[in-house]
PDB file of N, CA and C in Angstrom:
ATOM      1  N   UNK A   1      -6.963  -7.829  -5.232  1.00  0.00           N
ATOM      2  CA  UNK A   1      -8.154  -7.706  -4.248  1.00  0.00           C
ATOM      3  C   UNK A   1      -7.633  -7.159  -2.769  1.00  0.00           C
ATOM      4  N   UNK A   2      -6.686  -7.926  -2.486  1.00  0.00           N
ATOM      5  CA  UNK A   2      -6.045  -7.317  -0.956  1.00  0.00           C
ATOM      6  C   UNK A   2      -6.313  -5.981  -1.011  1.00  0.00           C
ATOM      7  N   UNK A   3      -5.507  -4.878  -1.805  1.00  0.00           N
ATOM      8  CA  UNK A   3      -5.338  -3.718  -1.905  1.00  0.00           C
ATOM      9  C   UNK A   3      -6.577  -2.667  -1.914  1.00  0.00           C
ATOM     10  N   UNK A   4      -7.650  -3.393  -2.575  1.00  0.00           N
ATOM     11  CA  UNK A   4      -9.124  -3.027  -3.013  1.00  0.00           C
ATOM     12  C   UNK A   4      -9.689  -2.990  -1.676  1.00  0.00           C
ATOM     13  N   UNK A   5      -9.612  -4.387  -0.728  1.00  0.00           N
ATOM     14  CA  UNK A   5     -10.037  -4.499   0.421  1.00  0.00           C
ATOM     15  C   UNK A   5      -9.454  -3.303   1.546  1.00  0.00           C
ATOM     16  N   UNK A   6      -8.524  -3.075   1.473  1.00  0.00           N
ATOM     17  CA  UNK A   6      -7.596  -2.268   2.632  1.00  0.00           C
ATOM     18  C   UNK A   6      -8.081  -0.975   1.918  1.00  0.00           C
ATOM     19  N   UNK A   7      -8.194  -0.529   0.472  1.00  0.00           N
ATOM     20  CA  UNK A   7      -8.617   0.787   0.216  1.00  0.00           C
ATOM     21  C   UNK A   7     -10.164   0.888   0.710  1.00  0.00           C
ATOM     22  N   UNK A   8     -10.894  -0.136   0.886  1.00  0.00           N
ATOM     23  CA  UNK A   8     -12.337   0.046   1.594  1.00  0.00           C
ATOM     24  C   UNK A   8     -12.429   0.452   2.712  1.00  0.00           C
ATOM     25  N   UNK A   9     -11.216  -0.288   3.770  1.00  0.00           N
ATOM     26  CA  UNK A   9     -11.411   0.032   4.824  1.00  0.00           C
ATOM     27  C   UNK A   9     -10.749   1.610   5.263  1.00  0.00           C
ATOM     28  N   UNK A  10      -9.999   1.978   4.765  1.00  0.00           N
ATOM     29  CA  UNK A  10      -9.647   3.284   4.800  1.00  0.00           C
ATOM     30  C   UNK A  10     -10.751   4.301   4.151  1.00  0.00           C
ATOM     31  N   UNK A  11     -11.342   4.104   3.739  1.00  0.00           N
ATOM     32  CA  UNK A  11     -12.306   4.689   3.108  1.00  0.00           C
ATOM     33  C   UNK A  11     -13.611   4.867   4.160  1.00  0.00           C
ATOM     34  N   UNK A  12     -13.829   3.823   4.476  1.00  0.00           N
ATOM     35  CA  UNK A  12     -14.866   3.656   6.042  1.00  0.00           C
ATOM     36  C   UNK A  12     -14.334   4.499   6.991  1.00  0.00           C
ATOM     37  N   UNK A  13     -12.970   4.335   7.348  1.00  0.00           N
ATOM     38  CA  UNK A  13     -12.493   5.426   8.602  1.00  0.00           C
ATOM     39  C   UNK A  13     -12.454   6.649   8.218  1.00  0.00           C
ATOM     40  N   UNK A  14     -12.249   7.159   7.024  1.00  0.00           N
ATOM     41  CA  UNK A  14     -12.388   8.416   6.838  1.00  0.00           C
ATOM     42  C   UNK A  14     -11.580   9.416   7.363  1.00  0.00           C
ATOM     43  N   UNK A  15     -12.160  10.433   7.543  1.00  0.00           N
ATOM     44  CA  UNK A  15     -10.846  11.319   8.068  1.00  0.00           C
ATOM     45  C   UNK A  15      -9.610  10.731   9.009  1.00  0.00           C
ATOM     46  N   UNK A  16     -10.273   9.710   9.858  1.00  0.00           N
ATOM     47  CA  UNK A  16      -9.617   8.946  10.853  1.00  0.00           C
ATOM     48  C   UNK A  16      -8.343   7.985  10.187  1.00  0.00           C
ATOM     49  N   UNK A  17      -8.588   8.259   8.899  1.00  0.00           N
ATOM     50  CA  UNK A  17      -7.335   7.254   8.267  1.00  0.00           C
ATOM     51  C   UNK A  17      -6.174   8.463   8.295  1.00  0.00           C
ATOM     52  N   UNK A  18      -4.976   7.394   8.319  1.00  0.00           N
ATOM     53  CA  UNK A  18      -3.640   7.935   8.243  1.00  0.00           C
ATOM     54  C   UNK A  18      -3.315   8.619   6.641  1.00  0.00           C
ATOM     55  N   UNK A  19      -3.219  10.152   6.206  1.00  0.00           N
ATOM     56  CA  UNK A  19      -3.250  10.413   5.137  1.00  0.00           C
ATOM     57  C   UNK A  19      -1.897   9.608   4.199  1.00  0.00           C
ATOM     58  N   UNK A  20      -0.981   9.409   4.886  1.00  0.00           N
ATOM     59  CA  UNK A  20       0.222   8.933   4.352  1.00  0.00           C
ATOM     60  C   UNK A  20       0.172   7.367   3.964  1.00  0.00           C
ATOM     61  N   UNK A  21      -0.708   6.752   4.723  1.00  0.00           N
ATOM     62  CA  UNK A  21      -0.841   5.441   4.172  1.00  0.00           C
ATOM     63  C   UNK A  21      -1.716   5.330   3.090  1.00  0.00           C
ATOM     64  N   UNK A  22      -3.025   6.256   3.164  1.00  0.00           N
ATOM     65  CA  UNK A  22      -3.997   6.133   2.060  1.00  0.00           C
ATOM     66  C   UNK A  22      -2.991   6.573   0.586  1.00  0.00           C
ATOM     67  N   UNK A  23      -2.260   7.285   0.652  1.00  0.00           N
ATOM     68  CA  UNK A  23      -1.537   7.592  -0.578  1.00  0.00           C
ATOM     69  C   UNK A  23      -0.824   6.391  -0.972  1.00  0.00           C
ATOM     70  N   UNK A  24      -0.343   5.567   0.129  1.00  0.00           N
ATOM     71  CA  UNK A  24       0.322   4.460  -0.584  1.00  0.00           C
ATOM     72  C   UNK A  24      -0.666   3.583  -0.702  1.00  0.00           C
ATOM     73  N   UNK A  25      -1.597   3.303  -0.274  1.00  0.00           N
ATOM     74  CA  UNK A  25      -2.801   2.294  -0.644  1.00  0.00           C
ATOM     75  C   UNK A  25      -3.064   2.603  -2.198  1.00  0.00           C
ATOM     76  N   UNK A  26      -3.473   3.825  -2.100  1.00  0.00           N
ATOM     77  CA  UNK A  26      -4.102   4.503  -3.750  1.00  0.00           C
ATOM     78  C   UNK A  26      -2.859   4.478  -4.640  1.00  0.00           C
ATOM     79  N   UNK A  27      -1.629   4.168  -4.592  1.00  0.00           N
ATOM     80  CA  UNK A  27      -0.592   4.238  -5.352  1.00  0.00           C
ATOM     81  C   UNK A  27      -0.375   2.432  -5.786  1.00  0.00           C
ATOM     82  N   UNK A  28      -0.541   1.544  -4.793  1.00  0.00           N
ATOM     83  CA  UNK A  28      -0.604   0.218  -4.902  1.00  0.00           C
ATOM     84  C   UNK A  28      -2.022   0.031  -5.992  1.00  0.00           C
ATOM     85  N   UNK A  29      -2.821   0.680  -5.707  1.00  0.00           N
ATOM     86  CA  UNK A  29      -4.070   0.306  -6.430  1.00  0.00           C
ATOM     87  C   UNK A  29      -3.962   0.579  -7.595  1.00  0.00           C
ATOM     88  N   UNK A  30      -3.553   1.556  -7.741  1.00  0.00           N
ATOM     89  CA  UNK A  30      -2.648   2.704  -9.262  1.00  0.00           C
ATOM     90  C   UNK A  30      -1.861   1.400 -10.013  1.00  0.00           C
ATOM     91  N   UNK A  31      -0.838   0.776  -9.181  1.00  0.00           N
ATOM     92  CA  UNK A  31       0.154  -0.291 -10.087  1.00  0.00           C
ATOM     93  C   UNK A  31      -0.479  -1.297 -10.066  1.00  0.00           C
ATOM     94  N   UNK A  32      -1.620  -1.915  -9.651  1.00  0.00           N
ATOM     95  CA  UNK A  32      -2.316  -2.994  -9.791  1.00  0.00           C
ATOM     96  C   UNK A  32      -3.205  -3.059 -10.778  1.00  0.00           C
ATOM     97  N   UNK A  33      -3.832  -2.001 -11.246  1.00  0.00           N
ATOM     98  CA  UNK A  33      -4.575  -1.803 -12.468  1.00  0.00           C
ATOM     99  C   UNK A  33      -3.590  -1.506 -13.654  1.00  0.00           C
ATOM    100  N   UNK A  34      -2.540  -0.657 -13.487  1.00  0.00           N
ATOM    101  CA  UNK A  34      -1.623  -0.718 -14.530  1.00  0.00           C
ATOM    102  C   UNK A  34      -1.444  -2.370 -15.000  1.00  0.00           C
ATOM    103  N   UNK A  35      -0.661  -3.046 -13.952  1.00  0.00           N
ATOM    104  CA  UNK A  35      -0.322  -4.643 -14.189  1.00  0.00           C
ATOM    105  C   UNK A  35      -1.526  -5.221 -15.154  1.00  0.00           C
ATOM    106  N   UNK A  36      -2.924  -5.127 -14.451  1.00  0.00           N
ATOM    107  CA  UNK A  36      -3.959  -5.902 -15.306  1.00  0.00           C
ATOM    108  C   UNK A  36      -4.146  -5.381 -16.566  1.00  0.00           C
ATOM    109  N   UNK A  37      -3.944  -3.810 -17.064  1.00  0.00           N
ATOM    110  CA  UNK A  37      -4.073  -3.513 -18.126  1.00  0.00           C
ATOM    111  C   UNK A  37      -2.841  -4.082 -18.962  1.00  0.00           C
ATOM    112  N   UNK A  38      -1.579  -3.730 -18.739  1.00  0.00           N
ATOM    113  CA  UNK A  38      -0.644  -4.449 -19.142  1.00  0.00           C
ATOM    114  C   UNK A  38      -0.943  -6.095 -19.797  1.00  0.00           C
ATOM    115  N   UNK A  39      -1.332  -6.726 -18.532  1.00  0.00           N
ATOM    116  CA  UNK A  39      -1.617  -7.999 -19.279  1.00  0.00           C
ATOM    117  C   UNK A  39      -2.771  -8.156 -20.110  1.00  0.00           C
ATOM    118  N   UNK A  40      -3.982  -7.710 -19.788  1.00  0.00           N
ATOM    119  CA  UNK A  40      -4.688  -7.919 -20.951  1.00  0.00           C
ATOM    120  C   UNK A  40      -4.589  -7.207 -22.439  1.00  0.00           C
ATOM    121  N   UNK A  41      -3.461  -6.412 -22.514  1.00  0.00           N
ATOM    122  CA  UNK A  41      -3.304  -6.143 -23.869  1.00  0.00           C
ATOM    123  C   UNK A  41      -2.406  -7.148 -24.264  1.00  0.00           C
ATOM    124  N   UNK A  42      -2.057  -8.159 -23.943  1.00  0.00           N
ATOM    125  CA  UNK A  42      -0.909  -9.330 -24.051  1.00  0.00           C
ATOM    126  C   UNK A  42      -1.786 -10.285 -24.462  1.00  0.00           C
ATOM    127  N   UNK A  43      -3.155 -10.444 -23.612  1.00  0.00           N
ATOM    128  CA  UNK A  43      -3.368 -11.850 -24.239  1.00  0.00           C
ATOM    129  C   UNK A  43      -5.210 -11.466 -23.947  1.00  0.00           C
ATOM    130  N   UNK A  44      -5.943 -11.982 -24.505  1.00  0.00           N
ATOM    131  CA  UNK A  44      -7.751 -11.761 -24.248  1.00  0.00           C
ATOM    132  C   UNK A  44      -7.608 -12.196 -22.797  1.00  0.00           C
ATOM    133  N   UNK A  45      -7.328 -12.956 -22.225  1.00  0.00           N
ATOM    134  CA  UNK A  45      -7.848 -13.468 -20.992  1.00  0.00           C
ATOM    135  C   UNK A  45      -6.741 -13.457 -19.985  1.00  0.00           C
ATOM    136  N   UNK A  46      -6.713 -13.601 -18.597  1.00  0.00           N
ATOM    137  CA  UNK A  46      -5.678 -13.462 -17.859  1.00  0.00           C
ATOM    138  C   UNK A  46      -4.486 -14.573 -18.023  1.00  0.00           C
ATOM    139  N   UNK A  47      -4.919 -15.593 -18.105  1.00  0.00           N
ATOM    140  CA  UNK A  47      -3.978 -16.834 -18.670  1.00  0.00           C
ATOM    141  C   UNK A  47      -3.829 -17.052 -19.869  1.00  0.00           C
ATOM    142  N   UNK A  48      -4.062 -16.314 -20.713  1.00  0.00           N
ATOM    143  CA  UNK A  48      -3.344 -16.248 -22.084  1.00  0.00           C
ATOM    144  C   UNK A  48      -4.748 -16.342 -22.842  1.00  0.00           C
ATOM    145  N   UNK A  49      -4.975 -17.223 -24.347  1.00  0.00           N
ATOM    146  CA  UNK A  49      -6.151 -17.009 -25.087  1.00  0.00           C
ATOM    147  C   UNK A  49      -7.451 -17.854 -24.517  1.00  0.00           C
ATOM    148  N   UNK A  50      -7.758 -18.583 -23.364  1.00  0.00           N
ATOM    149  CA  UNK A  50      -8.587 -19.242 -23.214  1.00  0.00           C
ATOM    150  C   UNK A  50      -9.396 -18.911 -21.820  1.00  0.00           C
ATOM    151  N   UNK A  51     -10.363 -18.672 -21.730  1.00  0.00           N
ATOM    152  CA  UNK A  51     -11.230 -18.455 -20.512  1.00  0.00           C
ATOM    153  C   UNK A  51     -10.838 -19.310 -19.507  1.00  0.00           C
ATOM    154  N   UNK A  52     -10.290 -18.809 -18.174  1.00  0.00           N
ATOM    155  CA  UNK A  52     -10.266 -19.721 -17.105  1.00  0.00           C
ATOM    156  C   UNK A  52     -10.778 -19.030 -15.640  1.00  0.00           C
ATOM    157  N   UNK A  53     -10.409 -20.061 -14.912  1.00  0.00           N
ATOM    158  CA  UNK A  53     -10.694 -19.547 -13.693  1.00  0.00           C
ATOM    159  C   UNK A  53     -10.283 -18.292 -13.179  1.00  0.00           C
ATOM    160  N   UNK A  54      -9.094 -17.890 -13.655  1.00  0.00           N
ATOM    161  CA  UNK A  54      -8.633 -16.636 -12.867  1.00  0.00           C
ATOM    162  C   UNK A  54      -9.513 -15.523 -13.718  1.00  0.00           C
ATOM    163  N   UNK A  55     -10.225 -15.912 -14.679  1.00  0.00           N
ATOM    164  CA  UNK A  55     -10.952 -14.650 -15.339  1.00  0.00           C
ATOM    165  C   UNK A  55     -12.399 -14.542 -14.002  1.00  0.00           C
ATOM    166  N   UNK A  56     -12.387 -15.983 -13.795  1.00  0.00           N
ATOM    167  CA  UNK A  56     -13.806 -15.830 -12.846  1.00  0.00           C
ATOM    168  C   UNK A  56     -13.449 -14.903 -11.365  1.00  0.00           C
ATOM    169  N   UNK A  57     -12.101 -15.336 -11.206  1.00  0.00           N
ATOM    170  CA  UNK A  57     -11.542 -14.507 -10.062  1.00  0.00           C
ATOM    171  C   UNK A  57     -11.196 -12.984 -10.107  1.00  0.00           C
ATOM    172  N   UNK A  58     -10.842 -12.629 -10.919  1.00  0.00           N
ATOM    173  CA  UNK A  58     -10.559 -11.373 -11.471  1.00  0.00           C
ATOM    174  C   UNK A  58     -11.739 -10.543 -11.404  1.00  0.00           C
ATOM    175  N   UNK A  59     -12.861 -11.169 -11.976  1.00  0.00           N
ATOM    176  CA  UNK A  59     -14.077 -10.266 -12.408  1.00  0.00           C
ATOM    177  C   UNK A  59     -14.874  -9.552 -11.286  1.00  0.00           C
ATOM    178  N   UNK A  60     -14.733 -10.275  -9.951  1.00  0.00           N
ATOM    179  CA  UNK A  60     -15.244  -9.230  -8.891  1.00  0.00           C
ATOM    180  C   UNK A  60     -14.630  -7.796  -8.956  1.00  0.00           C
ATOM    181  N   UNK A  61     -13.367  -8.300  -8.284  1.00  0.00           N
ATOM    182  CA  UNK A  61     -12.665  -6.735  -8.617  1.00  0.00           C
ATOM    183  C   UNK A  61     -12.952  -5.703  -9.414  1.00  0.00           C
ATOM    184  N   UNK A  62     -12.913  -6.205 -10.720  1.00  0.00           N
ATOM    185  CA  UNK A  62     -13.177  -5.160 -12.079  1.00  0.00           C
ATOM    186  C   UNK A  62     -14.258  -5.187 -12.067  1.00  0.00           C
ATOM    187  N   UNK A  63     -15.316  -5.577 -11.507  1.00  0.00           N
ATOM    188  CA  UNK A  63     -16.976  -5.173 -11.538  1.00  0.00           C
ATOM    189  C   UNK A  63     -17.309  -4.905 -10.433  1.00  0.00           C
ATOM    190  N   UNK A  64     -17.896  -5.483  -9.753  1.00  0.00           N
ATOM    191  CA  UNK A  64     -18.654  -5.280  -8.431  1.00  0.00           C
ATOM    192  C   UNK A  64     -17.697  -4.675  -7.231  1.00  0.00           C
ATOM    193  N   UNK A  65     -16.582  -5.108  -7.034  1.00  0.00           N
ATOM    194  CA  UNK A  65     -15.553  -4.251  -6.443  1.00  0.00           C
ATOM    195  C   UNK A  65     -15.717  -2.807  -6.501  1.00  0.00           C
ATOM    196  N   UNK A  66     -15.760  -2.526  -8.006  1.00  0.00           N
ATOM    197  CA  UNK A  66     -15.438  -0.854  -7.893  1.00  0.00           C
ATOM    198  C   UNK A  66     -16.986  -0.135  -7.535  1.00  0.00           C
ATOM    199  N   UNK A  67     -17.964  -0.676  -7.130  1.00  0.00           N
ATOM    200  CA  UNK A  67     -18.797  -0.105  -6.228  1.00  0.00           C
ATOM    201  C   UNK A  67     -18.827   0.250  -4.833  1.00  0.00           C
ATOM    202  N   UNK A  68     -17.659  -0.398  -4.671  1.00  0.00           N
ATOM    203  CA  UNK A  68     -17.361   0.022  -3.129  1.00  0.00           C
ATOM    204  C   UNK A  68     -15.917   0.891  -3.112  1.00  0.00           C
ATOM    205  N   UNK A  69     -15.149   0.515  -4.226  1.00  0.00           N
ATOM    206  CA  UNK A  69     -13.924   1.251  -3.971  1.00  0.00           C
ATOM    207  C   UNK A  69     -13.595   1.963  -5.505  1.00  0.00           C
ATOM    208  N   UNK A  70     -14.364   2.941  -5.893  1.00  0.00           N
ATOM    209  CA  UNK A  70     -14.549   3.601  -7.194  1.00  0.00           C
ATOM    210  C   UNK A  70     -13.471   3.627  -8.149  1.00  0.00           C
ATOM    211  N   UNK A  71     -13.313   3.330  -9.274  1.00  0.00           N
ATOM    212  CA  UNK A  71     -12.124   3.266 -10.024  1.00  0.00           C
ATOM    213  C   UNK A  71     -12.302   3.753 -11.359  1.00  0.00           C
ATOM    214  N   UNK A  72     -12.334   4.678 -12.045  1.00  0.00           N
ATOM    215  CA  UNK A  72     -12.449   5.232 -13.497  1.00  0.00           C
ATOM    216  C   UNK A  72     -11.760   4.614 -14.268  1.00  0.00           C
ATOM    217  N   UNK A  73     -12.352   3.764 -15.146  1.00  0.00           N
ATOM    218  CA  UNK A  73     -11.443   2.478 -16.354  1.00  0.00           C
ATOM    219  C   UNK A  73     -11.464   3.379 -17.456  1.00  0.00           C
ATOM    220  N   UNK A  74     -11.475   4.820 -17.280  1.00  0.00           N
ATOM    221  CA  UNK A  74     -11.154   5.538 -18.788  1.00  0.00           C
ATOM    222  C   UNK A  74      -9.853   5.508 -19.411  1.00  0.00           C
ATOM    223  N   UNK A  75      -8.870   5.223 -18.456  1.00  0.00           N
ATOM    224  CA  UNK A  75      -7.367   5.151 -19.100  1.00  0.00           C
ATOM    225  C   UNK A  75      -7.141   3.820 -19.025  1.00  0.00           C
ATOM    226  N   UNK A  76      -7.761   2.760 -19.076  1.00  0.00           N
ATOM    227  CA  UNK A  76      -7.647   1.466 -19.287  1.00  0.00           C
ATOM    228  C   UNK A  76      -8.422   0.610 -20.428  1.00  0.00           C
ATOM    229  N   UNK A  77      -8.168   0.980 -21.858  1.00  0.00           N
ATOM    230  CA  UNK A  77      -8.635   0.413 -22.839  1.00  0.00           C
ATOM    231  C   UNK A  77      -8.897  -1.162 -22.843  1.00  0.00           C
ATOM    232  N   UNK A  78      -7.886  -1.720 -22.473  1.00  0.00           N
ATOM    233  CA  UNK A  78      -7.624  -3.230 -22.273  1.00  0.00           C
ATOM    234  C   UNK A  78      -8.669  -3.807 -21.448  1.00  0.00           C
ATOM    235  N   UNK A  79      -8.366  -2.906 -20.144  1.00  0.00           N
ATOM    236  CA  UNK A  79      -9.750  -3.573 -18.987  1.00  0.00           C
ATOM    237  C   UNK A  79     -11.055  -3.198 -19.483  1.00  0.00           C
ATOM    238  N   UNK A  80     -11.464  -2.528 -20.363  1.00  0.00           N
ATOM    239  CA  UNK A  80     -12.729  -2.125 -20.510  1.00  0.00           C
ATOM    240  C   UNK A  80     -12.944  -3.078 -22.166  1.00  0.00           C
ATOM    241  N   UNK A  81     -11.982  -3.274 -23.047  1.00  0.00           N
ATOM    242  CA  UNK A  81     -12.431  -4.377 -23.629  1.00  0.00           C
ATOM    243  C   UNK A  81     -12.596  -5.818 -23.030  1.00  0.00           C
ATOM    244  N   UNK A  82     -11.908  -6.301 -22.465  1.00  0.00           N
ATOM    245  CA  UNK A  82     -11.788  -7.366 -21.633  1.00  0.00           C
ATOM    246  C   UNK A  82     -12.907  -7.547 -20.489  1.00  0.00           C
ATOM    247  N   UNK A  83     -13.381  -6.904 -20.387  1.00  0.00           N
ATOM    248  CA  UNK A  83     -15.003  -6.600 -19.453  1.00  0.00           C
ATOM    249  C   UNK A  83     -16.355  -6.553 -20.525  1.00  0.00           C
ATOM    250  N   UNK A  84     -15.765  -5.783 -21.618  1.00  0.00           N
ATOM    251  CA  UNK A  84     -16.852  -6.299 -22.674  1.00  0.00           C
ATOM    252  C   UNK A  84     -17.014  -7.648 -22.907  1.00  0.00           C
ATOM    253  N   UNK A  85     -15.913  -8.281 -23.381  1.00  0.00           N
ATOM    254  CA  UNK A  85     -15.866  -9.603 -23.658  1.00  0.00           C
ATOM    255  C   UNK A  85     -16.380 -10.428 -22.915  1.00  0.00           C
ATOM    256  N   UNK A  86     -16.191 -10.503 -21.721  1.00  0.00           N
ATOM    257  CA  UNK A  86     -16.792 -10.896 -20.677  1.00  0.00           C
ATOM    258  C   UNK A  86     -18.308 -11.039 -20.837  1.00  0.00           C
ATOM    259  N   UNK A  87     -18.829 -10.027 -20.848  1.00  0.00           N
ATOM    260  CA  UNK A  87     -20.110  -9.543 -20.525  1.00  0.00           C
ATOM    261  C   UNK A  87     -20.808 -10.194 -21.980  1.00  0.00           C
ATOM    262  N   UNK A  88     -20.008 -10.410 -22.809  1.00  0.00           N
ATOM    263  CA  UNK A  88     -21.006 -10.988 -24.360  1.00  0.00           C
ATOM    264  C   UNK A  88     -20.774 -12.415 -24.038  1.00  0.00           C
ATOM    265  N   UNK A  89     -20.304 -13.063 -23.336  1.00  0.00           N
ATOM    266  CA  UNK A  89     -19.956 -14.365 -22.892  1.00  0.00           C
ATOM    267  C   UNK A  89     -21.718 -14.968 -22.889  1.00  0.00           C
ATOM    268  N   UNK A  90     -22.016 -15.914 -23.476  1.00  0.00           N
ATOM    269  CA  UNK A  90     -23.429 -16.230 -23.204  1.00  0.00           C
ATOM    270  C   UNK A  90     -23.508 -16.923 -21.726  1.00  0.00           C
ATOM    271  N   UNK A  91     -22.721 -18.008 -21.603  1.00  0.00           N
ATOM    272  CA  UNK A  91     -22.448 -18.193 -20.100  1.00  0.00           C
ATOM    273  C   UNK A  91     -22.739 -17.115 -18.994  1.00  0.00           C
ATOM    274  N   UNK A  92     -21.925 -16.164 -19.300  1.00  0.00           N
ATOM    275  CA  UNK A  92     -21.841 -15.185 -18.337  1.00  0.00           C
ATOM    276  C   UNK A  92     -22.924 -14.436 -17.996  1.00  0.00           C
ATOM    277  N   UNK A  93     -23.862 -14.346 -18.998  1.00  0.00           N
ATOM    278  CA  UNK A  93     -25.004 -13.775 -19.329  1.00  0.00           C
ATOM    279  C   UNK A  93     -26.047 -14.716 -18.366  1.00  0.00           C
ATOM    280  N   UNK A  94     -26.249 -15.904 -18.878  1.00  0.00           N
ATOM    281  CA  UNK A  94     -27.115 -16.965 -18.254  1.00  0.00           C
ATOM    282  C   UNK A  94     -26.515 -17.022 -16.362  1.00  0.00           C
ATOM    283  N   UNK A  95     -25.247 -16.842 -16.130  1.00  0.00           N
ATOM    284  CA  UNK A  95     -25.167 -17.064 -14.759  1.00  0.00           C
ATOM    285  C   UNK A  95     -25.795 -15.638 -14.057  1.00  0.00           C
ATOM    286  N   UNK A  96     -25.762 -14.669 -14.758  1.00  0.00           N
ATOM    287  CA  UNK A  96     -25.968 -13.420 -13.965  1.00  0.00           C
ATOM    288  C   UNK A  96     -27.264 -13.263 -13.694  1.00  0.00           C
ATOM    289  N   UNK A  97     -28.353 -13.725 -15.076  1.00  0.00           N
ATOM    290  CA  UNK A  97     -29.766 -13.834 -14.721  1.00  0.00           C
ATOM    291  C   UNK A  97     -30.162 -14.887 -13.954  1.00  0.00           C
ATOM    292  N   UNK A  98     -29.523 -15.839 -13.434  1.00  0.00           N
ATOM    293  CA  UNK A  98     -29.784 -16.921 -12.427  1.00  0.00           C
ATOM    294  C   UNK A  98     -29.325 -15.993 -11.185  1.00  0.00           C
ATOM    295  N   UNK A  99     -27.994 -15.945 -11.106  1.00  0.00           N
ATOM    296  CA  UNK A  99     -27.503 -15.289  -9.714  1.00  0.00           C
ATOM    297  C   UNK A  99     -28.029 -13.913  -8.860  1.00  0.00           C
ATOM    298  N   UNK A 100     -28.251 -13.199 -10.183  1.00  0.00           N
ATOM    299  CA  UNK A 100     -28.293 -11.382  -9.651  1.00  0.00           C
ATOM    300  C   UNK A 100     -29.481 -10.870 -10.545  1.00  0.00           C
ATOM    301  N   UNK A 101     -30.862 -11.597 -10.575  1.00  0.00           N
ATOM    302  CA  UNK A 101     -31.736 -10.772 -11.994  1.00  0.00           C
ATOM    303  C   UNK A 101     -32.102  -9.195 -11.210  1.00  0.00           C
ATOM    304  N   UNK A 102     -31.643  -8.889 -10.625  1.00  0.00           N
ATOM    305  CA  UNK A 102     -31.667  -7.269 -10.035  1.00  0.00           C
ATOM    306  C   UNK A 102     -31.067  -6.178 -11.195  1.00  0.00           C
ATOM    307  N   UNK A 103     -31.879  -5.799 -11.745  1.00  0.00           N
ATOM    308  CA  UNK A 103     -30.937  -4.886 -13.014  1.00  0.00           C
ATOM    309  C   UNK A 103     -30.360  -3.697 -12.231  1.00  0.00           C
ATOM    310  N   UNK A 104     -30.770  -3.306 -10.653  1.00  0.00           N
ATOM    311  CA  UNK A 104     -30.035  -2.227 -10.269  1.00  0.00           C
ATOM    312  C   UNK A 104     -28.507  -2.523  -9.669  1.00  0.00           C
ATOM    313  N   UNK A 105     -28.673  -3.970  -9.602  1.00  0.00           N
ATOM    314  CA  UNK A 105     -27.387  -4.342  -9.362  1.00  0.00           C
ATOM    315  C   UNK A 105     -26.459  -5.027 -10.446  1.00  0.00           C
ATOM    316  N   UNK A 106     -27.050  -4.672 -11.777  1.00  0.00           N
ATOM    317  CA  UNK A 106     -26.057  -5.065 -13.109  1.00  0.00           C
ATOM    318  C   UNK A 106     -24.462  -5.358 -12.643  1.00  0.00           C
ATOM    319  N   UNK A 107     -23.881  -6.030 -12.929  1.00  0.00           N
ATOM    320  CA  UNK A 107     -22.057  -5.794 -13.263  1.00  0.00           C
ATOM    321  C   UNK A 107     -21.804  -4.751 -13.756  1.00  0.00           C
ATOM    322  N   UNK A 108     -20.609  -3.859 -13.402  1.00  0.00           N
ATOM    323  CA  UNK A 108     -20.311  -2.761 -14.077  1.00  0.00           C
ATOM    324  C   UNK A 108     -19.146  -3.148 -14.959  1.00  0.00           C
ATOM    325  N   UNK A 109     -19.488  -3.190 -16.539  1.00  0.00           N
ATOM    326  CA  UNK A 109     -18.985  -3.731 -17.849  1.00  0.00           C
ATOM    327  C   UNK A 109     -18.392  -2.879 -18.390  1.00  0.00           C
ATOM    328  N   UNK A 110     -18.798  -1.637 -17.783  1.00  0.00           N
ATOM    329  CA  UNK A 110     -17.959  -0.297 -18.315  1.00  0.00           C
ATOM    330  C   UNK A 110     -17.103   0.494 -17.618  1.00  0.00           C
TER     331      UNK A 110
END
C-alpha cells in the first residue's frame, strides 16, 4: 500500500516527477505484486488456509487501489484466483451490497 500511494503521487505530479524515482517506484510495485503472487500460490489466503483480517487489509490495494494506480493482473494467476475466491464469498457480496451498491464502482475482481 505505501508503494501504491507513492506511485499515485508520482502519477499526479506527472512530468514534474523525477524519472529515476518513478522507475524505482515502479520496480518496487512490481516486486510487491510478485511477492503477493508467490504468497497466494502457497495458500488460499494471506495468513494461510483461512480468511483473516490480513485479507481484508489486502483487498483494497488489489481491487479499488488499481483504479488509481492501474496494474494489469494478466501475469498474476494466483492473485486473480484469490480475487475470485474473495468475490465468491457470501459475506463479501453482502458487505458490498450494503457498503457500495453503485454498480459503476464494483470492485475490480479480475
